[in-house]
């Protein structure tokens, strides 16, 4: 994701480019809530101008190193430049999310097995096993 964030004074606070985009894992709370939300609505190449209230940005604590004060609202231009899955998406999932994913994958495996696509079924069962092995 590329972003250009303006603070209350109108100055550029942070900038990411296509060569050095902002990278984050959805649902891992590794970025501001506004990016989590906008990512659900924009596809690759999608752009948006966001007016972000502080509770969806840096909140009560701001980001002093970037010049963002406590409770600052931001104006942010974003563009989705790429979407990819992390190498181990299950590492950032809760046990509840893992269990739900296991059920989804097992269902796909069962469908493949019933359709006599055994190699595909086996791959899905292995994926379910991998999610299960990461349970707390």
C-alpha atoms as a PDB file:
ATOM      1  CA  UNK A   1       0.000   0.000   0.000  1.00  0.00           C
ATOM      2  CA  UNK A   2       1.250   3.448  -0.810  1.00  0.00           C
ATOM      3  CA  UNK A   3       0.289   6.269   1.472  1.00  0.00           C
ATOM      4  CA  UNK A   4       0.803   9.964   1.905  1.00  0.00           C
ATOM      5  CA  UNK A   5      -0.340  11.263   5.278  1.00  0.00           C
ATOM      6  CA  UNK A   6      -0.968  14.893   6.111  1.00  0.00           C
ATOM      7  CA  UNK A   7      -1.088  16.034   9.698  1.00  0.00           C
ATOM      8  CA  UNK A   8      -3.083  18.909  11.149  1.00  0.00           C
ATOM      9  CA  UNK A   9      -0.497  21.421   9.928  1.00  0.00           C
ATOM     10  CA  UNK A  10      -0.806  20.120   6.353  1.00  0.00           C
ATOM     11  CA  UNK A  11       2.794  18.900   6.149  1.00  0.00           C
ATOM     12  CA  UNK A  12       3.711  15.486   4.778  1.00  0.00           C
ATOM     13  CA  UNK A  13       4.297  13.205   7.730  1.00  0.00           C
ATOM     14  CA  UNK A  14       4.992   9.845   6.123  1.00  0.00           C
ATOM     15  CA  UNK A  15       5.230   8.632   2.587  1.00  0.00           C
ATOM     16  CA  UNK A  16       5.499   5.171   1.099  1.00  0.00           C
ATOM     17  CA  UNK A  17       6.048   4.545  -2.599  1.00  0.00           C
ATOM     18  CA  UNK A  18       5.608   1.669  -5.029  1.00  0.00           C
ATOM     19  CA  UNK A  19       9.322   0.952  -4.540  1.00  0.00           C
ATOM     20  CA  UNK A  20       8.968   0.954  -0.739  1.00  0.00           C
ATOM     21  CA  UNK A  21       5.267   0.401   0.056  1.00  0.00           C
ATOM     22  CA  UNK A  22       3.776   0.080   3.505  1.00  0.00           C
ATOM     23  CA  UNK A  23       3.389  -3.625   4.244  1.00  0.00           C
ATOM     24  CA  UNK A  24       1.127  -5.062   6.916  1.00  0.00           C
ATOM     25  CA  UNK A  25      -0.813  -8.199   7.756  1.00  0.00           C
ATOM     26  CA  UNK A  26      -4.574  -7.751   7.896  1.00  0.00           C
ATOM     27  CA  UNK A  27      -5.954  -8.512  11.318  1.00  0.00           C
ATOM     28  CA  UNK A  28      -2.571  -8.431  13.054  1.00  0.00           C
ATOM     29  CA  UNK A  29      -3.053  -4.908  14.452  1.00  0.00           C
ATOM     30  CA  UNK A  30       0.252  -3.895  12.887  1.00  0.00           C
ATOM     31  CA  UNK A  31      -1.063  -0.693  11.311  1.00  0.00           C
ATOM     32  CA  UNK A  32      -3.766   1.887  11.927  1.00  0.00           C
ATOM     33  CA  UNK A  33      -7.396   0.723  11.823  1.00  0.00           C
ATOM     34  CA  UNK A  34      -8.146   2.944   8.817  1.00  0.00           C
ATOM     35  CA  UNK A  35      -5.777   0.874   6.639  1.00  0.00           C
ATOM     36  CA  UNK A  36      -7.384  -2.358   7.815  1.00  0.00           C
ATOM     37  CA  UNK A  37     -10.807  -1.006   6.846  1.00  0.00           C
ATOM     38  CA  UNK A  38      -9.905   0.571   3.506  1.00  0.00           C
ATOM     39  CA  UNK A  39      -8.071  -2.580   2.412  1.00  0.00           C
ATOM     40  CA  UNK A  40     -11.389  -4.424   2.462  1.00  0.00           C
ATOM     41  CA  UNK A  41     -12.915  -2.001  -0.056  1.00  0.00           C
ATOM     42  CA  UNK A  42     -10.091  -1.322  -2.505  1.00  0.00           C
ATOM     43  CA  UNK A  43      -8.648  -3.810  -4.953  1.00  0.00           C
ATOM     44  CA  UNK A  44      -5.183  -3.711  -6.506  1.00  0.00           C
ATOM     45  CA  UNK A  45      -4.745  -0.340  -8.222  1.00  0.00           C
ATOM     46  CA  UNK A  46      -7.566   1.174  -6.161  1.00  0.00           C
ATOM     47  CA  UNK A  47      -6.967   4.651  -4.771  1.00  0.00           C
ATOM     48  CA  UNK A  48      -8.644   6.658  -2.076  1.00  0.00           C
ATOM     49  CA  UNK A  49      -8.448   9.921  -0.184  1.00  0.00           C
ATOM     50  CA  UNK A  50      -9.230   9.280   3.455  1.00  0.00           C
ATOM     51  CA  UNK A  51     -10.229  11.682   6.179  1.00  0.00           C
ATOM     52  CA  UNK A  52      -9.268   9.626   9.204  1.00  0.00           C
ATOM     53  CA  UNK A  53     -10.491  10.415  12.706  1.00  0.00           C
ATOM     54  CA  UNK A  54      -7.915   9.882  15.425  1.00  0.00           C
ATOM     55  CA  UNK A  55      -9.617   6.764  16.807  1.00  0.00           C
ATOM     56  CA  UNK A  56      -8.969   5.038  13.446  1.00  0.00           C
ATOM     57  CA  UNK A  57      -5.426   6.451  13.248  1.00  0.00           C
ATOM     58  CA  UNK A  58      -2.997   6.799  16.139  1.00  0.00           C
ATOM     59  CA  UNK A  59      -5.559   7.700  18.803  1.00  0.00           C
ATOM     60  CA  UNK A  60      -4.830   9.142  22.198  1.00  0.00           C
ATOM     61  CA  UNK A  61      -1.105   8.437  22.027  1.00  0.00           C
ATOM     62  CA  UNK A  62      -0.322   9.905  18.617  1.00  0.00           C
ATOM     63  CA  UNK A  63       2.936   9.081  16.862  1.00  0.00           C
ATOM     64  CA  UNK A  64       5.276  11.817  18.120  1.00  0.00           C
ATOM     65  CA  UNK A  65       8.262  10.586  16.080  1.00  0.00           C
ATOM     66  CA  UNK A  66       6.227  11.354  12.943  1.00  0.00           C
ATOM     67  CA  UNK A  67       4.796  14.641  14.186  1.00  0.00           C
ATOM     68  CA  UNK A  68       1.349  13.192  14.883  1.00  0.00           C
ATOM     69  CA  UNK A  69       0.057  14.530  18.174  1.00  0.00           C
ATOM     70  CA  UNK A  70      -2.423  12.914  20.539  1.00  0.00           C
ATOM     71  CA  UNK A  71      -5.928  12.711  19.018  1.00  0.00           C
ATOM     72  CA  UNK A  72      -4.821  14.098  15.611  1.00  0.00           C
ATOM     73  CA  UNK A  73      -7.102  13.456  12.639  1.00  0.00           C
ATOM     74  CA  UNK A  74      -5.306  12.686   9.351  1.00  0.00           C
ATOM     75  CA  UNK A  75      -5.846  13.159   5.623  1.00  0.00           C
ATOM     76  CA  UNK A  76      -4.348  10.171   3.803  1.00  0.00           C
ATOM     77  CA  UNK A  77      -4.042   9.277   0.120  1.00  0.00           C
ATOM     78  CA  UNK A  78      -3.780   5.516  -0.397  1.00  0.00           C
ATOM     79  CA  UNK A  79      -3.279   3.173  -3.315  1.00  0.00           C
ATOM     80  CA  UNK A  80      -3.300  -0.617  -3.100  1.00  0.00           C
ATOM     81  CA  UNK A  81      -0.233  -1.720  -5.082  1.00  0.00           C
ATOM     82  CA  UNK A  82      -0.208  -5.427  -4.164  1.00  0.00           C
ATOM     83  CA  UNK A  83      -1.919  -8.015  -1.999  1.00  0.00           C
ATOM     84  CA  UNK A  84      -0.266 -11.205  -0.873  1.00  0.00           C
ATOM     85  CA  UNK A  85      -0.605 -13.782   1.839  1.00  0.00           C
ATOM     86  CA  UNK A  86       2.140 -13.981   4.442  1.00  0.00           C
ATOM     87  CA  UNK A  87       4.230 -17.134   4.414  1.00  0.00           C
ATOM     88  CA  UNK A  88       2.453 -18.327   7.555  1.00  0.00           C
ATOM     89  CA  UNK A  89      -0.903 -16.590   7.853  1.00  0.00           C
ATOM     90  CA  UNK A  90      -1.885 -18.885  10.729  1.00  0.00           C
ATOM     91  CA  UNK A  91       0.824 -17.289  12.882  1.00  0.00           C
ATOM     92  CA  UNK A  92      -1.359 -14.196  13.334  1.00  0.00           C
ATOM     93  CA  UNK A  93      -4.663 -16.038  13.804  1.00  0.00           C
ATOM     94  CA  UNK A  94      -6.440 -16.622  17.094  1.00  0.00           C
ATOM     95  CA  UNK A  95      -7.340 -20.203  18.001  1.00  0.00           C
ATOM     96  CA  UNK A  96     -10.965 -19.409  17.164  1.00  0.00           C
ATOM     97  CA  UNK A  97      -9.942 -18.209  13.689  1.00  0.00           C
ATOM     98  CA  UNK A  98      -7.756 -21.297  13.217  1.00  0.00           C
ATOM     99  CA  UNK A  99     -10.633 -23.612  14.176  1.00  0.00           C
ATOM    100  CA  UNK A 100     -12.939 -21.848  11.721  1.00  0.00           C
ATOM    101  CA  UNK A 101     -10.302 -22.121   8.980  1.00  0.00           C
ATOM    102  CA  UNK A 102      -9.798 -25.820   9.771  1.00  0.00           C
ATOM    103  CA  UNK A 103     -13.521 -26.446   9.293  1.00  0.00           C
ATOM    104  CA  UNK A 104     -13.555 -24.536   5.986  1.00  0.00           C
ATOM    105  CA  UNK A 105     -10.518 -26.397   4.668  1.00  0.00           C
ATOM    106  CA  UNK A 106     -11.837 -29.789   5.823  1.00  0.00           C
ATOM    107  CA  UNK A 107     -15.087 -29.095   3.951  1.00  0.00           C
ATOM    108  CA  UNK A 108     -13.112 -28.333   0.772  1.00  0.00           C
ATOM    109  CA  UNK A 109     -11.092 -31.517   1.291  1.00  0.00           C
ATOM    110  CA  UNK A 110     -14.266 -33.562   1.660  1.00  0.00           C
ATOM    111  CA  UNK A 111     -15.722 -32.040  -1.515  1.00  0.00           C
ATOM    112  CA  UNK A 112     -12.564 -32.890  -3.441  1.00  0.00           C
ATOM    113  CA  UNK A 113     -12.564 -36.443  -2.057  1.00  0.00           C
ATOM    114  CA  UNK A 114     -16.214 -36.988  -3.033  1.00  0.00           C
ATOM    115  CA  UNK A 115     -15.377 -35.730  -6.529  1.00  0.00           C
ATOM    116  CA  UNK A 116     -12.581 -38.336  -6.605  1.00  0.00           C
ATOM    117  CA  UNK A 117      -9.884 -35.661  -6.827  1.00  0.00           C
ATOM    118  CA  UNK A 118      -7.716 -37.377  -4.257  1.00  0.00           C
ATOM    119  CA  UNK A 119      -4.517 -35.360  -4.651  1.00  0.00           C
ATOM    120  CA  UNK A 120      -6.436 -32.103  -4.167  1.00  0.00           C
ATOM    121  CA  UNK A 121      -8.276 -33.598  -1.170  1.00  0.00           C
ATOM    122  CA  UNK A 122      -4.990 -34.668   0.380  1.00  0.00           C
ATOM    123  CA  UNK A 123      -3.546 -31.172  -0.056  1.00  0.00           C
ATOM    124  CA  UNK A 124      -6.554 -29.655   1.743  1.00  0.00           C
ATOM    125  CA  UNK A 125      -6.361 -32.210   4.571  1.00  0.00           C
ATOM    126  CA  UNK A 126      -2.657 -31.377   4.988  1.00  0.00           C
ATOM    127  CA  UNK A 127      -3.533 -27.681   5.114  1.00  0.00           C
ATOM    128  CA  UNK A 128      -6.115 -28.376   7.841  1.00  0.00           C
ATOM    129  CA  UNK A 129      -3.482 -30.340   9.748  1.00  0.00           C
ATOM    130  CA  UNK A 130      -1.057 -27.412   9.503  1.00  0.00           C
ATOM    131  CA  UNK A 131      -3.651 -25.050  10.990  1.00  0.00           C
ATOM    132  CA  UNK A 132      -4.396 -27.579  13.747  1.00  0.00           C
ATOM    133  CA  UNK A 133      -0.723 -27.964  14.648  1.00  0.00           C
ATOM    134  CA  UNK A 134      -0.574 -24.215  15.439  1.00  0.00           C
ATOM    135  CA  UNK A 135      -3.380 -24.343  18.022  1.00  0.00           C
ATOM    136  CA  UNK A 136      -2.388 -23.240  21.523  1.00  0.00           C
END
